[in-house]
Structure formats: C-alpha cells, structure tokens
C-alpha atoms as a PDB file:
ATOM      1  CA  MET A   1     124.932-128.891  64.138  1.00  0.00           C
ATOM      2  CA  ALA A   2     127.914-127.758  66.200  1.00  0.00           C
ATOM      3  CA  LEU A   3     129.271-124.235  65.944  1.00  0.00           C
ATOM      4  CA  SER A   4     132.298-123.389  63.842  1.00  0.00           C
ATOM      5  CA  GLN A   5     135.693-122.602  65.362  1.00  0.00           C
ATOM      6  CA  PRO A   6     135.369-118.862  64.546  1.00  0.00           C
ATOM      7  CA  GLN A   7     132.001-118.817  66.329  1.00  0.00           C
ATOM      8  CA  LEU A   8     133.475-120.517  69.400  1.00  0.00           C
ATOM      9  CA  LEU A   9     136.280-117.960  69.497  1.00  0.00           C
ATOM     10  CA  GLU A  10     133.753-115.164  69.093  1.00  0.00           C
ATOM     11  CA  ILE A  11     131.780-116.370  72.111  1.00  0.00           C
ATOM     12  CA  ALA A  12     134.953-116.750  74.195  1.00  0.00           C
ATOM     13  CA  ASP A  13     135.859-113.156  73.307  1.00  0.00           C
ATOM     14  CA  LYS A  14     132.419-111.938  74.345  1.00  0.00           C
ATOM     15  CA  LEU A  15     132.584-113.723  77.701  1.00  0.00           C
ATOM     16  CA  ASP A  16     136.074-112.376  78.367  1.00  0.00           C
ATOM     17  CA  LYS A  17     134.929-108.842  77.590  1.00  0.00           C
ATOM     18  CA  ALA A  18     131.791-109.202  79.715  1.00  0.00           C
ATOM     19  CA  GLU A  19     133.860-110.207  82.738  1.00  0.00           C
ATOM     20  CA  ALA A  20     136.444-107.464  82.188  1.00  0.00           C
ATOM     21  CA  THR A  21     133.879-104.692  81.718  1.00  0.00           C
ATOM     22  CA  CYS A  22     131.185-106.029  84.110  1.00  0.00           C
ATOM     23  CA  GLN A  23     128.703-105.695  81.266  1.00  0.00           C
ATOM     24  CA  PRO A  24     126.609-108.838  80.634  1.00  0.00           C
ATOM     25  CA  ILE A  25     125.782-110.173  77.203  1.00  0.00           C
ATOM     26  CA  PRO A  26     122.543-111.656  75.782  1.00  0.00           C
ATOM     27  CA  PRO A  27     121.906-115.381  76.341  1.00  0.00           C
ATOM     28  CA  LEU A  28     124.245-117.429  74.187  1.00  0.00           C
ATOM     29  CA  VAL A  29     121.558-119.888  73.135  1.00  0.00           C
ATOM     30  CA  GLU A  30     119.494-117.022  71.739  1.00  0.00           C
ATOM     31  CA  THR A  31     122.381-115.558  69.738  1.00  0.00           C
ATOM     32  CA  TYR A  32     123.732-118.995  68.751  1.00  0.00           C
ATOM     33  CA  PRO A  33     120.772-121.447  68.673  1.00  0.00           C
ATOM     34  CA  ALA A  34     123.023-124.258  67.414  1.00  0.00           C
ATOM     35  CA  LEU A  35     125.200-124.130  70.544  1.00  0.00           C
ATOM     36  CA  GLU A  36     125.660-127.663  71.903  1.00  0.00           C
ATOM     37  CA  GLU A  37     127.019-128.843  75.248  1.00  0.00           C
ATOM     38  CA  LYS A  38     130.312-129.939  73.690  1.00  0.00           C
ATOM     39  CA  ASP A  39     130.626-126.461  72.143  1.00  0.00           C
ATOM     40  CA  ALA A  40     130.008-124.905  75.547  1.00  0.00           C
ATOM     41  CA  TYR A  41     132.830-126.890  77.139  1.00  0.00           C
ATOM     42  CA  GLN A  42     135.160-125.975  74.282  1.00  0.00           C
ATOM     43  CA  ILE A  43     134.395-122.309  74.941  1.00  0.00           C
ATOM     44  CA  GLN A  44     135.048-122.774  78.671  1.00  0.00           C
ATOM     45  CA  TRP A  45     138.398-124.407  77.930  1.00  0.00           C
ATOM     46  CA  MET A  46     139.320-121.618  75.508  1.00  0.00           C
ATOM     47  CA  VAL A  47     138.729-119.002  78.185  1.00  0.00           C
ATOM     48  CA  ALA A  48     140.569-121.118  80.793  1.00  0.00           C
ATOM     49  CA  SER A  49     143.535-121.584  78.432  1.00  0.00           C
ATOM     50  CA  ARG A  50     143.768-117.821  78.009  1.00  0.00           C
ATOM     51  CA  ALA A  51     143.839-117.439  81.790  1.00  0.00           C
ATOM     52  CA  LEU A  52     146.682-119.953  82.046  1.00  0.00           C
ATOM     53  CA  ARG A  53     148.643-118.145  79.336  1.00  0.00           C
ATOM     54  CA  ALA A  54     148.139-114.934  81.325  1.00  0.00           C
ATOM     55  CA  GLN A  55     149.933-116.641  84.251  1.00  0.00           C
ATOM     56  CA  ARG A  56     146.816-117.241  86.328  1.00  0.00           C
ATOM     57  CA  HIS A  57     147.251-120.363  88.431  1.00  0.00           C
ATOM     58  CA  LEU A  58     144.641-123.131  88.296  1.00  0.00           C
ATOM     59  CA  LEU A  59     143.689-123.910  91.908  1.00  0.00           C
ATOM     60  CA  GLY A  60     141.011-126.489  91.176  1.00  0.00           C
ATOM     61  CA  TYR A  61     137.416-126.878  90.023  1.00  0.00           C
ATOM     62  CA  LYS A  62     133.815-126.161  91.001  1.00  0.00           C
ATOM     63  CA  ILE A  63     130.992-128.614  90.424  1.00  0.00           C
ATOM     64  CA  GLY A  64     127.513-127.319  89.656  1.00  0.00           C
ATOM     65  CA  LEU A  65     124.010-128.631  89.016  1.00  0.00           C
ATOM     66  CA  THR A  66     124.542-131.300  91.662  1.00  0.00           C
ATOM     67  CA  SER A  67     121.003-131.329  93.041  1.00  0.00           C
ATOM     68  CA  LEU A  68     118.045-133.067  91.402  1.00  0.00           C
ATOM     69  CA  GLU A  69     116.123-129.805  91.643  1.00  0.00           C
ATOM     70  CA  ALA A  70     118.768-127.918  89.664  1.00  0.00           C
ATOM     71  CA  GLN A  71     119.044-130.697  87.072  1.00  0.00           C
ATOM     72  CA  LYS A  72     115.281-130.738  86.560  1.00  0.00           C
ATOM     73  CA  HIS A  73     115.255-126.954  86.218  1.00  0.00           C
ATOM     74  CA  PHE A  74     117.931-127.018  83.512  1.00  0.00           C
ATOM     75  CA  ARG A  75     116.671-130.259  81.968  1.00  0.00           C
ATOM     76  CA  VAL A  76     119.990-132.064  82.331  1.00  0.00           C
ATOM     77  CA  PHE A  77     120.884-135.436  83.785  1.00  0.00           C
ATOM     78  CA  GLU A  78     124.328-134.782  85.216  1.00  0.00           C
ATOM     79  CA  PRO A  79     126.298-131.970  86.876  1.00  0.00           C
ATOM     80  CA  ASP A  80     128.626-129.525  85.152  1.00  0.00           C
ATOM     81  CA  TYR A  81     131.933-128.000  86.243  1.00  0.00           C
ATOM     82  CA  GLY A  82     134.109-124.919  85.950  1.00  0.00           C
ATOM     83  CA  HIS A  83     137.701-123.854  86.632  1.00  0.00           C
ATOM     84  CA  LEU A  84     138.943-122.102  89.784  1.00  0.00           C
ATOM     85  CA  PHE A  85     141.882-119.716  89.389  1.00  0.00           C
ATOM     86  CA  ASP A  86     143.977-117.900  91.984  1.00  0.00           C
ATOM     87  CA  SER A  87     142.392-114.600  90.945  1.00  0.00           C
ATOM     88  CA  MET A  88     139.044-115.986  92.161  1.00  0.00           C
ATOM     89  CA  SER A  89     140.195-116.864  95.683  1.00  0.00           C
ATOM     90  CA  ILE A  90     139.105-114.562  98.525  1.00  0.00           C
ATOM     91  CA  ASN A  91     140.439-114.740 102.074  1.00  0.00           C
ATOM     92  CA  GLU A  92     137.964-115.653 104.773  1.00  0.00           C
ATOM     93  CA  ASP A  93     136.499-112.807 106.830  1.00  0.00           C
ATOM     94  CA  SER A  94     137.494-110.314 104.142  1.00  0.00           C
ATOM     95  CA  GLU A  95     135.579-108.003 101.815  1.00  0.00           C
ATOM     96  CA  ILE A  96     134.265-108.738  98.341  1.00  0.00           C
ATOM     97  CA  ASP A  97     134.204-105.718  96.043  1.00  0.00           C
ATOM     98  CA  LEU A  98     130.866-105.877  94.249  1.00  0.00           C
ATOM     99  CA  SER A  99     131.965-103.224  91.744  1.00  0.00           C
ATOM    100  CA  GLN A 100     134.101-105.956  90.124  1.00  0.00           C
ATOM    101  CA  LEU A 101     131.095-108.232  89.621  1.00  0.00           C
ATOM    102  CA  ILE A 102     127.872-108.135  87.600  1.00  0.00           C
ATOM    103  CA  GLN A 103     124.983-109.895  89.370  1.00  0.00           C
ATOM    104  CA  PRO A 104     126.541-112.017  92.113  1.00  0.00           C
ATOM    105  CA  LYS A 105     124.890-114.638  94.270  1.00  0.00           C
ATOM    106  CA  ILE A 106     126.402-116.648  97.120  1.00  0.00           C
ATOM    107  CA  GLU A 107     126.137-120.335  98.047  1.00  0.00           C
ATOM    108  CA  GLY A 108     127.376-122.507 100.899  1.00  0.00           C
ATOM    109  CA  GLU A 109     129.330-125.622  99.908  1.00  0.00           C
ATOM    110  CA  ILE A 110     131.496-128.437 101.217  1.00  0.00           C
ATOM    111  CA  ALA A 111     135.000-128.076  99.789  1.00  0.00           C
ATOM    112  CA  PHE A 112     137.744-130.672  99.486  1.00  0.00           C
ATOM    113  CA  VAL A 113     141.492-130.317  99.101  1.00  0.00           C
ATOM    114  CA  LEU A 114     143.244-133.286  97.506  1.00  0.00           C
ATOM    115  CA  GLY A 115     146.176-135.006  99.172  1.00  0.00           C
ATOM    116  CA  LYS A 116     147.122-136.907  96.020  1.00  0.00           C
ATOM    117  CA  ASP A 117     146.324-136.997  92.313  1.00  0.00           C
ATOM    118  CA  LEU A 118     142.985-138.429  91.218  1.00  0.00           C
ATOM    119  CA  ARG A 119     142.553-139.486  87.617  1.00  0.00           C
ATOM    120  CA  GLY A 120     139.709-141.395  85.992  1.00  0.00           C
ATOM    121  CA  PRO A 121     138.098-143.249  84.431  1.00  0.00           C
ATOM    122  CA  GLY A 122     136.390-145.545  86.889  1.00  0.00           C
ATOM    123  CA  ILE A 123     136.950-143.437  89.997  1.00  0.00           C
ATOM    124  CA  THR A 124     134.666-144.461  92.889  1.00  0.00           C
ATOM    125  CA  PRO A 125     133.626-142.480  95.987  1.00  0.00           C
ATOM    126  CA  ALA A 126     135.869-144.758  98.063  1.00  0.00           C
ATOM    127  CA  GLN A 127     138.856-143.787  95.909  1.00  0.00           C
ATOM    128  CA  VAL A 128     137.891-140.130  96.249  1.00  0.00           C
ATOM    129  CA  MET A 129     137.860-140.506 100.026  1.00  0.00           C
ATOM    130  CA  ARG A 130     141.389-141.929 100.016  1.00  0.00           C
ATOM    131  CA  ALA A 131     142.646-139.084  97.819  1.00  0.00           C
ATOM    132  CA  ILE A 132     141.313-136.242  99.979  1.00  0.00           C
ATOM    133  CA  ASP A 133     143.639-134.433 102.352  1.00  0.00           C
ATOM    134  CA  TYR A 134     140.955-132.464 104.184  1.00  0.00           C
ATOM    135  CA  VAL A 135     137.426-131.100 103.948  1.00  0.00           C
ATOM    136  CA  THR A 136     136.187-127.641 104.943  1.00  0.00           C
ATOM    137  CA  THR A 137     133.375-125.090 104.693  1.00  0.00           C
ATOM    138  CA  SER A 138     133.293-122.754 101.717  1.00  0.00           C
ATOM    139  CA  PHE A 139     131.408-120.027  99.944  1.00  0.00           C
ATOM    140  CA  GLU A 140     131.106-119.918  96.179  1.00  0.00           C
ATOM    141  CA  ILE A 141     130.168-116.582  94.651  1.00  0.00           C
ATOM    142  CA  ILE A 142     128.528-117.227  91.322  1.00  0.00           C
ATOM    143  CA  ASP A 143     128.081-114.438  88.795  1.00  0.00           C
ATOM    144  CA  SER A 144     126.603-114.929  85.349  1.00  0.00           C
ATOM    145  CA  ARG A 145     128.032-112.977  82.442  1.00  0.00           C
ATOM    146  CA  ILE A 146     124.630-113.545  80.806  1.00  0.00           C
ATOM    147  CA  GLN A 147     121.992-110.822  81.167  1.00  0.00           C
ATOM    148  CA  ASN A 148     119.510-111.242  84.038  1.00  0.00           C
ATOM    149  CA  TRP A 149     120.629-114.802  84.759  1.00  0.00           C
ATOM    150  CA  LYS A 150     118.598-115.906  81.747  1.00  0.00           C
ATOM    151  CA  ILE A 151     120.621-119.070  81.299  1.00  0.00           C
ATOM    152  CA  THR A 152     120.384-122.640  80.117  1.00  0.00           C
ATOM    153  CA  ALA A 153     122.880-125.357  81.041  1.00  0.00           C
ATOM    154  CA  ARG A 154     124.788-124.573  77.840  1.00  0.00           C
ATOM    155  CA  ASP A 155     125.079-120.907  78.802  1.00  0.00           C
ATOM    156  CA  THR A 156     126.442-121.654  82.248  1.00  0.00           C
ATOM    157  CA  ILE A 157     128.878-124.314  81.004  1.00  0.00           C
ATOM    158  CA  ALA A 158     130.378-121.904  78.479  1.00  0.00           C
ATOM    159  CA  ASP A 159     130.489-119.267  81.225  1.00  0.00           C
ATOM    160  CA  ASN A 160     132.769-121.365  83.471  1.00  0.00           C
ATOM    161  CA  GLY A 161     129.876-122.768  85.457  1.00  0.00           C
ATOM    162  CA  SER A 162     128.871-119.185  86.313  1.00  0.00           C
ATOM    163  CA  SER A 163     131.707-119.188  88.839  1.00  0.00           C
ATOM    164  CA  SER A 164     133.350-115.957  89.983  1.00  0.00           C
ATOM    165  CA  ARG A 165     134.897-116.099  93.466  1.00  0.00           C
ATOM    166  CA  PHE A 166     135.284-118.573  96.326  1.00  0.00           C
ATOM    167  CA  VAL A 167     136.203-118.493 100.004  1.00  0.00           C
ATOM    168  CA  LEU A 168     137.539-121.362 102.112  1.00  0.00           C
ATOM    169  CA  SER A 169     137.389-121.663 105.880  1.00  0.00           C
ATOM    170  CA  GLY A 170     140.697-121.990 107.671  1.00  0.00           C
ATOM    171  CA  MET A 171     139.422-125.060 109.497  1.00  0.00           C
ATOM    172  CA  LYS A 172     140.839-128.297 108.062  1.00  0.00           C
ATOM    173  CA  ARG A 173     139.010-131.505 108.958  1.00  0.00           C
ATOM    174  CA  ARG A 174     139.948-135.059 108.049  1.00  0.00           C
ATOM    175  CA  LEU A 175     137.205-137.242 106.605  1.00  0.00           C
ATOM    176  CA  GLU A 176     137.517-139.981 109.212  1.00  0.00           C
ATOM    177  CA  GLY A 177     134.360-140.204 111.291  1.00  0.00           C
ATOM    178  CA  LEU A 178     132.361-137.782 109.137  1.00  0.00           C
ATOM    179  CA  SER A 179     129.044-138.635 107.503  1.00  0.00           C
ATOM    180  CA  LEU A 180     129.038-135.991 104.794  1.00  0.00           C
ATOM    181  CA  PRO A 181     125.397-136.486 103.706  1.00  0.00           C
ATOM    182  CA  HIS A 182     124.217-135.768 107.263  1.00  0.00           C
ATOM    183  CA  LEU A 183     126.197-132.566 107.846  1.00  0.00           C
ATOM    184  CA  GLY A 184     123.793-129.668 108.232  1.00  0.00           C
ATOM    185  CA  MET A 185     124.420-126.210 106.811  1.00  0.00           C
ATOM    186  CA  ALA A 186     123.083-122.781 107.740  1.00  0.00           C
ATOM    187  CA  LEU A 187     123.753-119.698 105.613  1.00  0.00           C
ATOM    188  CA  TYR A 188     123.316-116.341 107.345  1.00  0.00           C
ATOM    189  CA  LYS A 189     122.668-112.952 105.757  1.00  0.00           C
ATOM    190  CA  ASN A 190     123.128-110.069 108.174  1.00  0.00           C
ATOM    191  CA  ASN A 191     122.781-112.511 111.102  1.00  0.00           C
ATOM    192  CA  ASP A 192     119.525-114.042 109.828  1.00  0.00           C
ATOM    193  CA  VAL A 193     119.366-117.645 108.592  1.00  0.00           C
ATOM    194  CA  VAL A 194     118.260-117.520 104.955  1.00  0.00           C
ATOM    195  CA  VAL A 195     119.228-120.986 103.646  1.00  0.00           C
ATOM    196  CA  THR A 196     119.569-124.392 105.281  1.00  0.00           C
ATOM    197  CA  GLY A 197     120.402-127.810 103.913  1.00  0.00           C
ATOM    198  CA  SER A 198     122.568-130.896 104.310  1.00  0.00           C
ATOM    199  CA  GLY A 199     125.349-132.600 102.408  1.00  0.00           C
ATOM    200  CA  ALA A 200     122.888-135.116 100.971  1.00  0.00           C
ATOM    201  CA  ALA A 201     121.650-132.369  98.617  1.00  0.00           C
ATOM    202  CA  VAL A 202     124.877-132.826  96.643  1.00  0.00           C
ATOM    203  CA  MET A 203     124.243-135.981  94.604  1.00  0.00           C
ATOM    204  CA  GLY A 204     123.349-137.853  97.792  1.00  0.00           C
ATOM    205  CA  ASN A 205     126.949-137.477  98.973  1.00  0.00           C
ATOM    206  CA  PRO A 206     129.520-134.833  97.933  1.00  0.00           C
ATOM    207  CA  LEU A 207     132.029-137.624  97.295  1.00  0.00           C
ATOM    208  CA  ASN A 208     129.840-138.662  94.345  1.00  0.00           C
ATOM    209  CA  ALA A 209     130.279-135.205  92.857  1.00  0.00           C
ATOM    210  CA  VAL A 210     134.067-135.417  93.035  1.00  0.00           C
ATOM    211  CA  ALA A 211     134.017-138.881  91.445  1.00  0.00           C
ATOM    212  CA  PHE A 212     131.860-137.464  88.640  1.00  0.00           C
ATOM    213  CA  LEU A 213     134.374-134.660  88.093  1.00  0.00           C
ATOM    214  CA  ALA A 214     137.387-136.978  87.979  1.00  0.00           C
ATOM    215  CA  ASN A 215     135.694-139.332  85.518  1.00  0.00           C
ATOM    216  CA  THR A 216     134.415-136.502  83.320  1.00  0.00           C
ATOM    217  CA  LEU A 217     137.837-134.837  83.111  1.00  0.00           C
ATOM    218  CA  ALA A 218     139.334-138.206  82.168  1.00  0.00           C
ATOM    219  CA  LYS A 219     137.263-138.186  78.982  1.00  0.00           C
ATOM    220  CA  HIS A 220     139.395-135.234  77.909  1.00  0.00           C
ATOM    221  CA  ASP A 221     142.686-136.703  79.179  1.00  0.00           C
ATOM    222  CA  ARG A 222     142.720-134.506  82.269  1.00  0.00           C
ATOM    223  CA  GLY A 223     142.951-135.291  85.938  1.00  0.00           C
ATOM    224  CA  LEU A 224     142.761-133.772  89.395  1.00  0.00           C
ATOM    225  CA  LEU A 225     146.048-132.945  91.079  1.00  0.00           C
ATOM    226  CA  GLU A 226     147.373-133.024  94.610  1.00  0.00           C
ATOM    227  CA  GLY A 227     146.625-129.764  96.395  1.00  0.00           C
ATOM    228  CA  GLN A 228     143.736-128.761  94.166  1.00  0.00           C
ATOM    229  CA  VAL A 229     140.506-127.406  95.647  1.00  0.00           C
ATOM    230  CA  ILE A 230     137.177-128.961  94.685  1.00  0.00           C
ATOM    231  CA  LEU A 231     133.937-127.129  95.464  1.00  0.00           C
ATOM    232  CA  SER A 232     131.454-129.990  95.511  1.00  0.00           C
ATOM    233  CA  GLY A 233     128.207-128.100  94.813  1.00  0.00           C
ATOM    234  CA  SER A 234     125.594-125.948  96.475  1.00  0.00           C
ATOM    235  CA  ILE A 235     124.007-127.405  99.598  1.00  0.00           C
ATOM    236  CA  GLY A 236     121.061-125.009  99.497  1.00  0.00           C
ATOM    237  CA  GLY A 237     119.740-122.139  97.440  1.00  0.00           C
ATOM    238  CA  MET A 238     121.719-119.146  96.245  1.00  0.00           C
ATOM    239  CA  VAL A 239     121.303-115.685  97.783  1.00  0.00           C
ATOM    240  CA  THR A 240     121.642-112.343  95.999  1.00  0.00           C
ATOM    241  CA  MET A 241     124.474-110.120  97.243  1.00  0.00           C
ATOM    242  CA  GLN A 242     124.156-106.367  97.815  1.00  0.00           C
ATOM    243  CA  ALA A 243     126.385-103.600  99.137  1.00  0.00           C
ATOM    244  CA  GLY A 244     126.738-103.685 102.912  1.00  0.00           C
ATOM    245  CA  ASP A 245     125.651-107.316 103.286  1.00  0.00           C
ATOM    246  CA  HIS A 246     127.479-109.628 105.655  1.00  0.00           C
ATOM    247  CA  PHE A 247     127.320-113.356 104.977  1.00  0.00           C
ATOM    248  CA  SER A 248     128.467-116.335 106.973  1.00  0.00           C
ATOM    249  CA  VAL A 249     127.956-120.040 106.478  1.00  0.00           C
ATOM    250  CA  GLU A 250     128.373-122.792 109.024  1.00  0.00           C
ATOM    251  CA  ILE A 251     128.521-126.508 108.299  1.00  0.00           C
ATOM    252  CA  GLN A 252     128.401-128.979 111.166  1.00  0.00           C
ATOM    253  CA  LYS A 253     131.854-130.182 112.205  1.00  0.00           C
ATOM    254  CA  LEU A 254     133.491-128.210 109.365  1.00  0.00           C
ATOM    255  CA  GLY A 255     133.439-124.711 110.809  1.00  0.00           C
ATOM    256  CA  ARG A 256     132.248-121.313 109.688  1.00  0.00           C
ATOM    257  CA  VAL A 257     133.418-118.760 107.129  1.00  0.00           C
ATOM    258  CA  SER A 258     132.312-115.155 106.607  1.00  0.00           C
ATOM    259  CA  VAL A 259     132.565-112.392 104.019  1.00  0.00           C
ATOM    260  CA  ARG A 260     131.442-108.766 103.770  1.00  0.00           C
ATOM    261  CA  CYS A 261     130.246-106.895 100.689  1.00  0.00           C
ATOM    262  CA  LYS A 262     131.569-103.484  99.728  1.00  0.00           C
ATOM    263  CA  GLY A 263     131.189-101.328  96.655  1.00  0.00           C
ATOM    264  CA  LYS A 264     128.203-101.022  94.367  1.00  0.00           C
ATOM    265  CA  LEU A 265     127.132-103.190  91.476  1.00  0.00           C
ATOM    266  CA  ASN A 266     127.335-101.650  88.036  1.00  0.00           C
ATOM    267  CA  GLU A 267     123.957-100.661  86.632  1.00  0.00           C
END
C-alpha cells in the first residue's frame, strides 16, 4: 500500500532538514515500511520542485545503480536517477567544504553534455549519440541523508539518488572515434590509485544509461534538454572523503579532474 500525501510531504520535509542541518535521519524504509518505489520518486520530485521554486537552476541529472553489482546489492533490475542543480556544481581543481556534507563519498564517472533535446519514449543509444555535444571526465560526490548509509533502493531514490555535488573536467571531447566501453579510469586518493574500471561497467556502455534516463523521464512527460549535464554512473567503487584528502580521476582520452577536501565532517 502506497503512502499518503501527508506522509510523502513529511518525508520530503525530513530530507530537506537533514541536508540543511547536516544531520542524517533513520532509514526511510524502517520508519515507513510501506514506502514503494513510486512513492520514493514522488518524494524526490517534491524536493526538486522546492529547489526550483527557490530559484535553483536544474543543470541535468545523475544516473545511479548502473552496474550489475550495484543492482544485485540493492535487489533491483534497473538504474535510478536524481536531479543536478547549480548549487551542486563545483569547479574543477577547487576545494569541497566537508562541513557542508554528512558522510560523503566520491566516484569517477563519464559525463555527457547534450547538444540538443532528447525525449523518449523509444530512445536508442544511437539517438543518444547524435544528441550529445561532448563527453568529459567527472566526479560525483554522493552523500546520503540516511544514517550510516543504511539504505535500500527506495531510500536512495527518495534522497535524490544520494547525490550531493559534482565536478566536470574542462576538457570537451566529441564522441567520434571513441569506444566508451573500453575507456579506462583511474581514481587517485592522495596520489595513490584506489579505484580502477572501464566504461563497460556502466550498463555495458554509458550511452545505454542515458537512453534509460530519457525513456524513464518520458513516462512522466519529461525530457532531457539541450545543454543539460548527464552523469552516466559510477565506473568503479566509491571512496570515503576526509579532511585534507586530494582526489583526482583520469579517464582515457577524456582528461583528468581534481578536487581537494577542506573542513571537518559534522559528528
């Protein structure tokens, strides 16, 4: 049985407060056992609508749970997604203030910027390729508003895909001549390689992830717009962030991007 509208609003309020105060809340599925996936997306859209009313600009979307390993872990059969707002964008080679976050982790991803609108249903990877302006290297900083990352897929969907910040490389590469599944990635923490992977980890090809997003948004009469950023999904594992850490990620033919951590996490 789906949750009532007052319950959905209550959860949206709790997630908003958790982000504003950097104080996590108990797992949603424990407090609201009847929470369903469609409820979780309604909560995400409620929070996103509030951000839009507060004059935050929607820059694009992130796609999550794109690897078979992640889907098996969360017992789901398809990815999820979240919204990316201007307040979440961090300049490359800059500092991330950890005091504004709760329990952040960082991932390396292939990012796309659209050169034209893309609206489902029926979008294919070939159509995605034609719609992309350029591809680049990116970091996504994920940060659960749920205590101790004790999450299910429903928790993370309601919590905007656990997204918090993102960083794009300044390098802009056209897709022509690129084999995205074969592009290797190395993520460095304080100059040591801690994660490696390739584009094939993202649904076999990151273009598949973007097609999924376009077709899923179409079910709710939404589409992707020219100029929007799409983070296609984690290439490798996520790494915990701590004060003083320096991270960089390099993806073959797409360049490198770096960030530094300052401030202390709230305890």
